[in-house]
N, C-alpha and C. Protein backbone atom coordinates (compact mmCIF):
# COMPACT_ATOMS: atom_id res chain seq x y z
N UNK A 1 41.29 -34.25 20.20
CA UNK A 1 41.12 -33.50 20.26
C UNK A 1 40.56 -33.10 18.61
N UNK A 2 41.47 -33.26 17.59
CA UNK A 2 41.03 -33.23 16.60
C UNK A 2 39.51 -33.96 15.89
N UNK A 3 39.37 -34.79 16.45
CA UNK A 3 38.02 -35.58 15.87
C UNK A 3 37.16 -34.85 16.65
N UNK A 4 37.45 -33.96 17.75
CA UNK A 4 35.98 -33.46 18.33
C UNK A 4 35.73 -32.27 17.48
N UNK A 5 37.01 -31.27 16.94
CA UNK A 5 36.71 -30.39 16.42
C UNK A 5 35.72 -30.37 15.05
N UNK A 6 36.59 -31.87 14.53
CA UNK A 6 36.02 -31.64 13.05
C UNK A 6 34.54 -32.15 13.22
N UNK A 7 34.35 -32.96 14.33
CA UNK A 7 32.88 -33.36 14.51
C UNK A 7 32.07 -32.03 15.01
N UNK A 8 32.53 -31.24 15.57
CA UNK A 8 31.59 -29.72 16.10
C UNK A 8 31.65 -28.98 14.84
N UNK A 9 32.52 -29.35 13.38
CA UNK A 9 32.55 -28.31 12.17
C UNK A 9 31.43 -28.98 11.51
N UNK A 10 31.63 -30.08 11.47
CA UNK A 10 30.50 -30.77 10.54
C UNK A 10 28.91 -30.67 10.93
N UNK A 11 29.09 -30.63 12.41
CA UNK A 11 27.89 -30.45 12.93
C UNK A 11 27.22 -29.41 12.20
N UNK A 12 28.00 -28.07 12.83
CA UNK A 12 27.45 -26.73 12.62
C UNK A 12 27.40 -26.81 10.94
N UNK A 13 28.22 -27.20 10.62
CA UNK A 13 28.43 -27.24 8.79
C UNK A 13 26.72 -28.10 8.44
N UNK A 14 26.28 -29.13 9.00
CA UNK A 14 25.08 -29.47 8.51
C UNK A 14 24.07 -28.48 9.23
N UNK A 15 23.93 -28.07 10.25
CA UNK A 15 22.87 -27.56 10.65
C UNK A 15 22.71 -26.34 9.57
N UNK A 16 24.08 -25.51 9.48
CA UNK A 16 23.80 -23.86 8.31
C UNK A 16 23.02 -24.62 6.80
N UNK A 17 23.67 -25.81 6.50
CA UNK A 17 23.19 -25.64 5.09
C UNK A 17 21.82 -26.42 5.68
N UNK A 18 21.29 -27.07 6.47
CA UNK A 18 19.80 -27.23 6.41
C UNK A 18 19.20 -26.09 6.58
N UNK A 19 19.55 -25.14 7.50
CA UNK A 19 19.09 -24.32 7.86
C UNK A 19 19.32 -23.17 6.38
N UNK A 20 19.51 -22.98 5.67
CA UNK A 20 19.75 -22.53 4.25
C UNK A 20 18.60 -23.17 3.35
N UNK A 21 18.60 -24.46 3.12
CA UNK A 21 17.92 -25.29 2.72
C UNK A 21 16.32 -25.64 2.95
N UNK A 22 16.22 -25.49 4.24
CA UNK A 22 14.71 -25.60 5.11
C UNK A 22 13.68 -24.72 3.93
N UNK A 23 12.71 -25.35 3.63
CA UNK A 23 11.83 -24.79 3.01
C UNK A 23 11.00 -23.76 4.08
N UNK A 24 10.35 -23.00 3.66
CA UNK A 24 9.63 -22.07 4.13
C UNK A 24 8.09 -22.14 4.58
N UNK A 25 7.63 -22.15 5.70
CA UNK A 25 6.45 -22.71 5.98
C UNK A 25 5.51 -21.41 5.38
N UNK A 26 4.23 -22.59 5.36
CA UNK A 26 3.48 -21.58 4.90
C UNK A 26 3.66 -21.00 3.04
N UNK A 27 2.71 -20.18 2.69
CA UNK A 27 3.10 -20.11 1.06
C UNK A 27 3.58 -18.97 0.81
N UNK A 28 4.24 -18.07 1.82
CA UNK A 28 4.64 -16.72 1.69
C UNK A 28 5.89 -16.85 1.59
N UNK A 29 6.93 -16.17 0.79
CA UNK A 29 8.28 -15.91 1.34
C UNK A 29 8.83 -14.91 1.70
N UNK A 30 8.06 -14.25 2.52
CA UNK A 30 8.21 -12.89 2.73
C UNK A 30 6.77 -12.55 3.95
N UNK A 31 7.72 -12.03 5.14
CA UNK A 31 6.00 -11.93 6.04
C UNK A 31 5.63 -10.49 5.92
N UNK A 32 5.93 -10.11 5.07
CA UNK A 32 5.87 -8.59 5.32
C UNK A 32 5.08 -7.96 3.59
N UNK A 33 4.41 -6.97 3.69
CA UNK A 33 3.87 -6.69 2.47
C UNK A 33 3.91 -5.50 2.00
N UNK A 34 4.31 -5.36 0.52
CA UNK A 34 4.91 -4.16 0.12
C UNK A 34 3.94 -3.52 -0.54
N UNK A 35 3.07 -2.50 -0.03
CA UNK A 35 1.72 -1.36 -0.51
C UNK A 35 2.25 -0.23 -1.77
N UNK A 36 1.72 -0.48 -2.35
CA UNK A 36 1.81 0.52 -3.80
C UNK A 36 0.55 1.44 -3.45
N UNK A 37 0.52 2.74 -3.26
CA UNK A 37 0.08 3.68 -3.09
C UNK A 37 0.09 5.02 -4.68
N UNK A 38 -1.44 5.12 -5.36
CA UNK A 38 -1.46 5.67 -6.15
C UNK A 38 -1.60 7.22 -5.46
N UNK A 39 -0.66 8.33 -5.86
CA UNK A 39 -0.86 9.59 -5.35
C UNK A 39 -0.93 10.45 -6.15
N UNK A 40 -1.47 11.88 -6.31
CA UNK A 40 -1.99 13.08 -6.57
C UNK A 40 -0.42 13.40 -7.07
N UNK A 41 0.48 13.93 -6.30
CA UNK A 41 1.47 14.52 -6.47
C UNK A 41 2.87 13.88 -5.73
N UNK A 42 3.51 13.13 -6.62
CA UNK A 42 4.78 12.19 -6.34
C UNK A 42 5.04 13.09 -5.24
N UNK A 43 5.79 14.13 -5.86
CA UNK A 43 7.14 14.88 -4.80
C UNK A 43 6.17 15.27 -3.30
N UNK A 44 5.23 16.14 -3.66
CA UNK A 44 4.35 16.42 -2.53
C UNK A 44 4.28 14.98 -1.10
N UNK A 45 3.98 14.05 -1.73
CA UNK A 45 3.35 12.91 -0.76
C UNK A 45 4.94 12.38 -0.55
N UNK A 46 6.09 12.08 -1.05
CA UNK A 46 7.58 12.34 -0.97
C UNK A 46 7.66 12.87 0.65
N UNK A 47 7.85 14.23 -0.16
CA UNK A 47 7.47 15.19 0.82
C UNK A 47 7.32 15.27 2.41
N UNK A 48 6.13 14.46 2.43
CA UNK A 48 5.20 14.56 3.25
C UNK A 48 5.51 13.22 4.33
N UNK A 49 5.61 11.97 3.41
CA UNK A 49 6.38 10.90 4.49
C UNK A 49 7.45 10.96 4.94
N UNK A 50 8.08 11.72 4.28
CA UNK A 50 9.90 11.69 4.52
C UNK A 50 10.31 12.76 5.73
N UNK A 51 10.05 13.86 5.39
CA UNK A 51 10.12 14.96 6.38
C UNK A 51 9.21 15.63 7.22
N UNK A 52 7.94 14.32 7.09
CA UNK A 52 6.93 15.23 8.11
C UNK A 52 6.72 13.81 9.62
N UNK A 53 6.69 12.27 8.64
CA UNK A 53 6.43 11.20 8.96
C UNK A 53 7.67 10.76 9.51
N UNK A 54 8.62 11.09 8.56
CA UNK A 54 10.42 10.43 9.36
C UNK A 54 10.26 8.98 8.27
N UNK A 55 9.43 8.71 7.22
CA UNK A 55 10.30 7.18 6.58
C UNK A 55 11.87 8.10 5.78
N UNK A 56 12.25 6.96 5.48
CA UNK A 56 13.64 6.81 4.26
C UNK A 56 13.11 6.15 2.63
N UNK A 57 13.74 7.57 1.98
CA UNK A 57 13.67 7.10 1.11
C UNK A 57 14.97 5.74 0.35
N UNK A 58 13.92 4.90 0.23
CA UNK A 58 15.20 3.58 0.21
C UNK A 58 15.50 3.24 -1.24
N UNK A 59 15.00 3.70 -2.52
CA UNK A 59 15.23 3.35 -4.11
C UNK A 59 13.82 3.46 -4.16
N UNK A 60 13.37 3.33 -5.58
CA UNK A 60 12.89 3.38 -6.44
C UNK A 60 13.26 2.73 -7.83
N UNK A 61 12.28 2.80 -8.74
CA UNK A 61 12.27 2.14 -10.30
C UNK A 61 11.00 2.79 -11.09
N UNK A 62 11.65 2.55 -12.61
CA UNK A 62 10.27 2.64 -13.63
C UNK A 62 10.01 1.63 -14.15
N UNK A 63 8.83 1.77 -14.70
CA UNK A 63 8.29 0.57 -14.96
C UNK A 63 7.82 1.32 -16.62
N UNK A 64 8.18 0.66 -18.17
CA UNK A 64 7.76 1.25 -19.10
C UNK A 64 6.55 0.79 -19.35
N UNK A 65 5.81 1.47 -20.22
CA UNK A 65 4.68 1.01 -20.98
C UNK A 65 3.98 -0.08 -21.60
N UNK A 66 5.58 -0.53 -22.25
CA UNK A 66 4.86 -2.07 -22.72
C UNK A 66 5.25 -3.05 -21.33
N UNK A 67 5.87 -2.97 -20.71
CA UNK A 67 5.96 -3.69 -19.56
C UNK A 67 4.82 -3.82 -18.50
N UNK A 68 4.57 -2.54 -18.38
CA UNK A 68 3.33 -1.84 -17.41
C UNK A 68 2.20 -2.82 -18.02
N UNK A 69 2.00 -2.41 -19.35
CA UNK A 69 0.51 -3.15 -20.16
C UNK A 69 0.74 -4.65 -20.31
N UNK A 70 1.77 -5.36 -19.93
CA UNK A 70 2.20 -6.56 -19.78
C UNK A 70 1.55 -7.32 -18.76
N UNK A 71 1.70 -6.63 -17.75
CA UNK A 71 1.50 -7.06 -16.27
C UNK A 71 0.16 -6.84 -16.22
N UNK A 72 -0.53 -6.03 -17.22
CA UNK A 72 -2.08 -5.39 -16.70
C UNK A 72 -2.11 -4.74 -15.58
N UNK A 73 -0.52 -3.90 -15.38
CA UNK A 73 -0.80 -2.54 -14.94
C UNK A 73 -1.51 -1.50 -14.73
N UNK A 74 -1.37 -1.06 -16.43
CA UNK A 74 -1.69 0.14 -17.08
C UNK A 74 -2.16 -0.04 -18.27
N UNK A 75 -2.76 1.03 -18.80
CA UNK A 75 -3.16 0.55 -20.46
C UNK A 75 -2.09 1.09 -21.36
N UNK A 76 -0.22 0.98 -20.61
CA UNK A 76 0.43 1.24 -21.31
C UNK A 76 1.14 2.75 -21.10
N UNK A 77 0.88 3.16 -19.99
CA UNK A 77 0.85 4.72 -19.08
C UNK A 77 2.95 3.65 -18.41
N UNK A 78 3.56 4.32 -18.43
CA UNK A 78 5.17 4.44 -17.90
C UNK A 78 4.91 5.36 -16.71
N UNK A 79 5.48 4.60 -15.72
CA UNK A 79 5.75 5.68 -14.01
C UNK A 79 6.74 5.31 -13.44
N UNK A 80 6.68 6.27 -12.35
CA UNK A 80 8.04 5.62 -11.71
C UNK A 80 7.42 5.67 -9.80
N UNK A 81 8.12 4.68 -9.39
CA UNK A 81 7.89 4.10 -8.24
C UNK A 81 9.15 4.61 -6.99
N UNK A 82 8.65 5.62 -5.77
CA UNK A 82 9.75 5.67 -5.11
C UNK A 82 8.94 4.88 -4.18
N UNK A 83 10.07 4.10 -3.19
CA UNK A 83 10.21 3.33 -2.10
C UNK A 83 10.44 4.28 -1.09
N UNK A 84 9.80 4.12 -0.12
CA UNK A 84 9.75 4.19 1.31
C UNK A 84 9.96 3.08 2.21
N UNK A 85 10.61 2.99 3.60
CA UNK A 85 10.48 2.31 4.50
C UNK A 85 10.82 3.21 5.68
N UNK A 86 10.16 2.47 6.86
CA UNK A 86 10.11 2.95 7.71
C UNK A 86 11.51 2.76 8.82
N UNK A 87 12.43 2.17 8.05
CA UNK A 87 14.01 1.52 8.34
C UNK A 87 14.34 1.12 7.46
N UNK A 88 16.05 1.90 7.14
CA UNK A 88 16.24 0.90 5.45
C UNK A 88 16.74 -0.41 5.99
N UNK A 89 15.64 -1.22 6.14
CA UNK A 89 16.56 -2.69 6.43
C UNK A 89 15.92 -3.75 5.07
N UNK A 90 16.21 -4.80 4.91
CA UNK A 90 15.80 -5.78 4.46
C UNK A 90 13.87 -6.02 4.52
N UNK A 91 14.00 -6.40 5.98
CA UNK A 91 12.32 -6.78 6.31
C UNK A 91 11.60 -5.59 6.62
N UNK A 92 11.82 -4.75 6.44
CA UNK A 92 10.86 -3.55 6.54
C UNK A 92 9.90 -3.22 5.32
N UNK A 93 8.53 -3.07 5.30
CA UNK A 93 7.67 -3.25 4.68
C UNK A 93 7.97 -1.89 3.72
N UNK A 94 7.92 -2.16 2.11
CA UNK A 94 8.03 -1.08 1.62
C UNK A 94 6.67 -0.40 0.93
N UNK A 95 6.58 0.98 1.39
CA UNK A 95 5.62 2.23 1.21
C UNK A 95 5.93 2.70 -0.47
N UNK A 96 5.25 2.30 -1.30
CA UNK A 96 6.08 2.43 -2.47
C UNK A 96 4.65 3.36 -3.57
N UNK A 97 4.99 4.81 -3.45
CA UNK A 97 4.38 5.73 -4.27
C UNK A 97 4.75 6.39 -5.37
N UNK A 98 3.79 6.28 -6.24
CA UNK A 98 3.62 6.56 -7.45
C UNK A 98 2.24 7.33 -7.88
N UNK A 99 2.62 7.91 -9.13
CA UNK A 99 1.78 8.91 -9.80
C UNK A 99 1.08 8.90 -10.92
N UNK A 100 0.21 9.37 -11.21
CA UNK A 100 0.22 9.21 -12.78
C UNK A 100 -0.40 10.35 -13.60
N UNK A 101 -0.41 11.25 -12.33
CA UNK A 101 -0.62 13.51 -13.14
C UNK A 101 -2.28 13.30 -13.02
N UNK A 102 -2.83 12.61 -11.98
CA UNK A 102 -4.17 12.68 -12.25
C UNK A 102 -4.41 13.19 -11.12
N UNK A 103 -5.89 14.09 -10.98
CA UNK A 103 -5.91 14.54 -9.86
C UNK A 103 -7.35 13.07 -9.12
N UNK A 104 -7.39 13.27 -7.86
CA UNK A 104 -7.99 12.31 -6.72
C UNK A 104 -9.36 12.48 -7.27
N UNK A 105 -10.31 11.43 -7.52
CA UNK A 105 -11.64 10.95 -8.14
C UNK A 105 -12.42 11.11 -6.46
N UNK A 106 -13.05 12.22 -5.85
CA UNK A 106 -14.15 12.20 -5.02
C UNK A 106 -13.75 13.03 -3.83
N UNK A 107 -14.14 13.82 -2.87
CA UNK A 107 -13.54 14.35 -2.15
C UNK A 107 -12.84 13.36 -0.84
N UNK A 108 -11.67 14.33 -0.19
CA UNK A 108 -11.19 13.75 0.59
C UNK A 108 -12.34 13.40 1.71
N UNK A 109 -11.85 12.15 2.33
CA UNK A 109 -12.45 11.87 3.47
C UNK A 109 -12.19 12.61 4.59
N UNK A 110 -13.39 12.78 5.82
CA UNK A 110 -13.42 13.24 6.98
C UNK A 110 -13.39 12.12 7.55
N UNK A 111 -13.38 11.03 7.90
CA UNK A 111 -13.52 9.64 8.69
C UNK A 111 -12.97 8.78 7.62
N UNK A 112 -12.69 7.47 8.42
CA UNK A 112 -12.32 6.13 7.92
C UNK A 112 -13.51 5.54 7.03
N UNK A 113 -14.50 6.11 7.80
CA UNK A 113 -16.35 5.57 7.34
C UNK A 113 -16.44 6.30 5.61
N UNK A 114 -16.24 7.14 5.44
CA UNK A 114 -16.27 8.31 4.43
C UNK A 114 -15.96 7.33 3.01
N UNK A 115 -15.75 6.03 3.04
CA UNK A 115 -15.17 5.36 1.58
C UNK A 115 -14.66 4.17 2.05
N UNK A 116 -14.51 3.43 0.54
CA UNK A 116 -14.16 1.76 1.26
C UNK A 116 -12.47 1.78 0.43
N UNK A 117 -12.10 0.27 0.76
CA UNK A 117 -11.04 0.22 0.38
C UNK A 117 -10.07 0.42 1.56
N UNK A 118 -8.62 0.68 1.43
CA UNK A 118 -7.75 1.06 2.11
C UNK A 118 -7.97 2.51 2.48
N UNK A 119 -8.18 2.54 3.99
CA UNK A 119 -8.41 3.86 4.82
C UNK A 119 -7.12 4.53 5.12
N UNK A 120 -6.35 3.84 6.16
CA UNK A 120 -5.47 4.11 7.30
C UNK A 120 -4.44 3.27 7.00
N UNK A 121 -3.31 3.50 7.72
CA UNK A 121 -2.26 2.40 8.14
C UNK A 121 -2.04 3.44 9.59
N UNK A 122 -1.46 2.48 10.19
CA UNK A 122 -0.91 2.47 11.44
C UNK A 122 0.56 1.91 11.27
N UNK A 123 1.48 3.62 12.43
CA UNK A 123 3.13 3.28 12.59
C UNK A 123 2.52 3.12 14.11
N UNK A 124 3.97 2.65 14.55
CA UNK A 124 4.09 2.19 15.73
C UNK A 124 5.49 2.87 15.78
N UNK A 125 5.45 4.00 16.78
CA UNK A 125 6.82 4.91 16.96
C UNK A 125 7.25 4.92 18.56
N UNK A 126 8.83 5.27 18.39
CA UNK A 126 9.24 5.00 20.10
C UNK A 126 9.07 5.83 20.73
N UNK A 127 8.91 7.24 19.70
CA UNK A 127 8.21 8.42 21.22
C UNK A 127 7.67 9.28 19.71
N UNK A 128 6.65 9.98 20.23
CA UNK A 128 5.88 10.78 19.03
C UNK A 128 6.19 12.32 19.37
N UNK A 129 6.69 12.64 20.18
CA UNK A 129 6.56 13.68 20.02
C UNK A 129 7.52 14.60 19.28
N UNK A 130 8.65 14.41 18.62
CA UNK A 130 9.64 14.64 17.35
C UNK A 130 8.44 14.51 16.59
N UNK A 131 7.57 13.58 16.14
CA UNK A 131 6.67 14.02 15.27
C UNK A 131 5.68 14.72 15.39
N UNK A 132 4.87 14.69 16.00
CA UNK A 132 4.57 15.79 16.51
C UNK A 132 5.13 17.31 16.23
N UNK A 133 6.42 17.72 16.59
CA UNK A 133 6.85 19.06 15.97
C UNK A 133 6.59 19.42 14.69
N UNK A 134 6.92 18.02 13.50
CA UNK A 134 7.50 17.90 12.81
C UNK A 134 5.89 18.59 11.60
N UNK A 135 5.18 17.59 12.26
CA UNK A 135 3.64 17.85 12.18
C UNK A 135 3.16 19.35 12.42
N UNK A 136 3.43 19.60 13.37
CA UNK A 136 3.14 21.20 13.85
C UNK A 136 3.62 22.39 12.57
N UNK A 137 4.78 22.09 12.87
CA UNK A 137 5.96 22.69 11.96
C UNK A 137 5.24 23.01 10.57
N UNK A 138 5.25 21.75 10.20
CA UNK A 138 4.46 21.81 8.57
C UNK A 138 3.13 22.00 8.59
N UNK A 139 2.46 22.28 9.35
CA UNK A 139 1.25 22.58 9.88
C UNK A 139 -0.22 22.32 8.89
N UNK A 140 0.63 20.80 9.25
CA UNK A 140 -0.15 19.61 9.14
C UNK A 140 -1.58 19.33 10.19
N UNK A 141 -2.63 19.25 10.26
CA UNK A 141 -3.88 19.38 11.32
C UNK A 141 -3.34 17.98 11.96
N UNK A 142 -3.53 17.73 13.49
CA UNK A 142 -3.80 16.77 13.83
C UNK A 142 -5.25 16.29 14.16
N UNK A 143 -5.58 15.38 13.42
CA UNK A 143 -7.42 14.99 13.52
C UNK A 143 -7.92 14.48 14.77
N UNK A 144 -7.10 13.88 15.54
CA UNK A 144 -7.37 13.57 16.28
C UNK A 144 -7.39 14.72 17.91
N UNK A 145 -7.09 16.10 17.65
CA UNK A 145 -6.86 16.81 18.63
C UNK A 145 -5.22 16.51 19.33
N UNK A 146 -5.25 16.09 20.49
CA UNK A 146 -3.98 16.33 21.43
C UNK A 146 -3.67 14.87 21.44
N UNK A 147 -2.85 14.12 21.76
CA UNK A 147 -2.58 12.57 21.77
C UNK A 147 -3.52 11.99 22.78
N UNK A 148 -3.83 11.03 22.30
CA UNK A 148 -5.22 10.10 22.93
C UNK A 148 -4.46 9.36 23.90
N UNK A 149 -5.02 8.68 25.05
CA UNK A 149 -3.53 7.75 25.92
C UNK A 149 -5.10 6.36 25.17
N UNK A 150 -3.82 5.50 25.05
CA UNK A 150 -4.32 4.33 25.00
C UNK A 150 -4.21 3.51 26.27
N UNK A 151 -3.56 4.08 26.94
CA UNK A 151 -3.32 3.12 27.95
C UNK A 151 -1.57 3.29 28.21
N UNK A 152 -1.59 2.13 29.60
CA UNK A 152 0.10 1.85 29.83
C UNK A 152 1.41 3.10 28.85
N UNK A 153 0.98 3.87 29.23
CA UNK A 153 1.73 5.31 28.75
C UNK A 153 2.29 4.85 27.13
N UNK A 154 0.99 4.74 26.16
CA UNK A 154 0.68 4.90 24.90
C UNK A 154 -0.32 5.44 24.26
N UNK A 155 0.28 6.56 23.72
CA UNK A 155 -0.64 7.63 22.95
C UNK A 155 -0.85 7.64 21.50
N UNK A 156 -1.71 8.47 21.26
CA UNK A 156 -2.32 7.88 19.45
C UNK A 156 -2.60 9.35 18.71
N UNK A 157 -2.42 9.70 17.59
CA UNK A 157 -2.57 10.84 16.92
C UNK A 157 -2.50 10.36 16.03
N UNK A 158 -3.87 11.33 15.11
CA UNK A 158 -4.20 10.55 13.70
C UNK A 158 -4.43 11.73 12.86
N UNK A 159 -3.52 12.05 11.45
CA UNK A 159 -3.47 12.53 10.84
C UNK A 159 -3.40 12.36 9.28
N UNK A 160 -3.74 13.15 8.30
CA UNK A 160 -3.75 12.28 7.39
C UNK A 160 -2.59 12.65 5.81
N UNK A 161 -2.58 11.80 5.25
CA UNK A 161 -1.41 12.75 4.16
C UNK A 161 -2.06 13.07 2.97
N UNK A 162 -1.34 14.05 2.11
CA UNK A 162 -1.82 14.74 1.07
C UNK A 162 -2.94 14.40 0.36
N UNK A 163 -3.08 13.29 0.00
CA UNK A 163 -4.53 12.34 -0.69
C UNK A 163 -5.21 12.43 0.24
N UNK A 164 -5.42 12.08 1.49
CA UNK A 164 -6.44 11.90 2.53
C UNK A 164 -6.59 10.33 2.92
N UNK A 165 -5.41 9.56 2.74
CA UNK A 165 -4.99 8.78 3.64
C UNK A 165 -4.92 9.08 4.94
N UNK A 166 -5.22 8.40 6.19
CA UNK A 166 -5.34 8.30 7.56
C UNK A 166 -4.46 7.48 7.88
N UNK A 167 -3.59 8.53 8.78
CA UNK A 167 -2.22 8.09 9.22
C UNK A 167 -2.35 7.92 10.93
N UNK A 168 -2.53 6.47 11.58
CA UNK A 168 -2.62 6.64 13.05
C UNK A 168 -1.07 6.61 13.31
N UNK A 169 -0.88 7.10 14.45
CA UNK A 169 0.66 7.28 15.02
C UNK A 169 0.74 6.62 16.60
N UNK A 170 1.14 5.68 16.79
CA UNK A 170 1.14 5.15 18.16
C UNK A 170 2.43 5.29 18.99
N UNK A 171 1.98 5.31 20.07
CA UNK A 171 3.60 5.03 21.04
C UNK A 171 3.54 6.31 22.16
N UNK A 172 4.94 5.84 23.19
CA UNK A 172 4.75 7.32 24.12
C UNK A 172 5.12 8.56 23.67
N UNK A 173 4.68 9.47 24.59
CA UNK A 173 4.93 11.19 24.29
C UNK A 173 6.50 11.07 24.80
């Protein structure tokens, strides 16, 4: 019996050791992308994403001017980054907001084809109703009008953040 227990422990230990040192497949160490977004007004954008969309503020960090220049991010300007996630989980995508106090160049787009670059994000939700209530309570315009059916009890609404990024919200009513 003792040998059986030792064998089971040895097999389990080997499995765990191999699982921990097994190489990651492919080139990437994480399946998520952390997205940095420069916004006009950091406080206004954090408020929008947390209180209207429902993201969670999970942290943040500062980058001093010297490091920012070394990394090629700015020409020596310090900045603060606020990290938001849909849920406070290590595997959740990071939506990193930062501001340099500059005004948006160009006009706010009316449609996703009005500009190039990243124009929209898609967020899948369990229920649209609580989000719609927050959107309406805060006077945010639902660009798609009423929720549009995508079939299979799945609906779509479209809004914009304060800087014009389109946000598709998809889920059951």
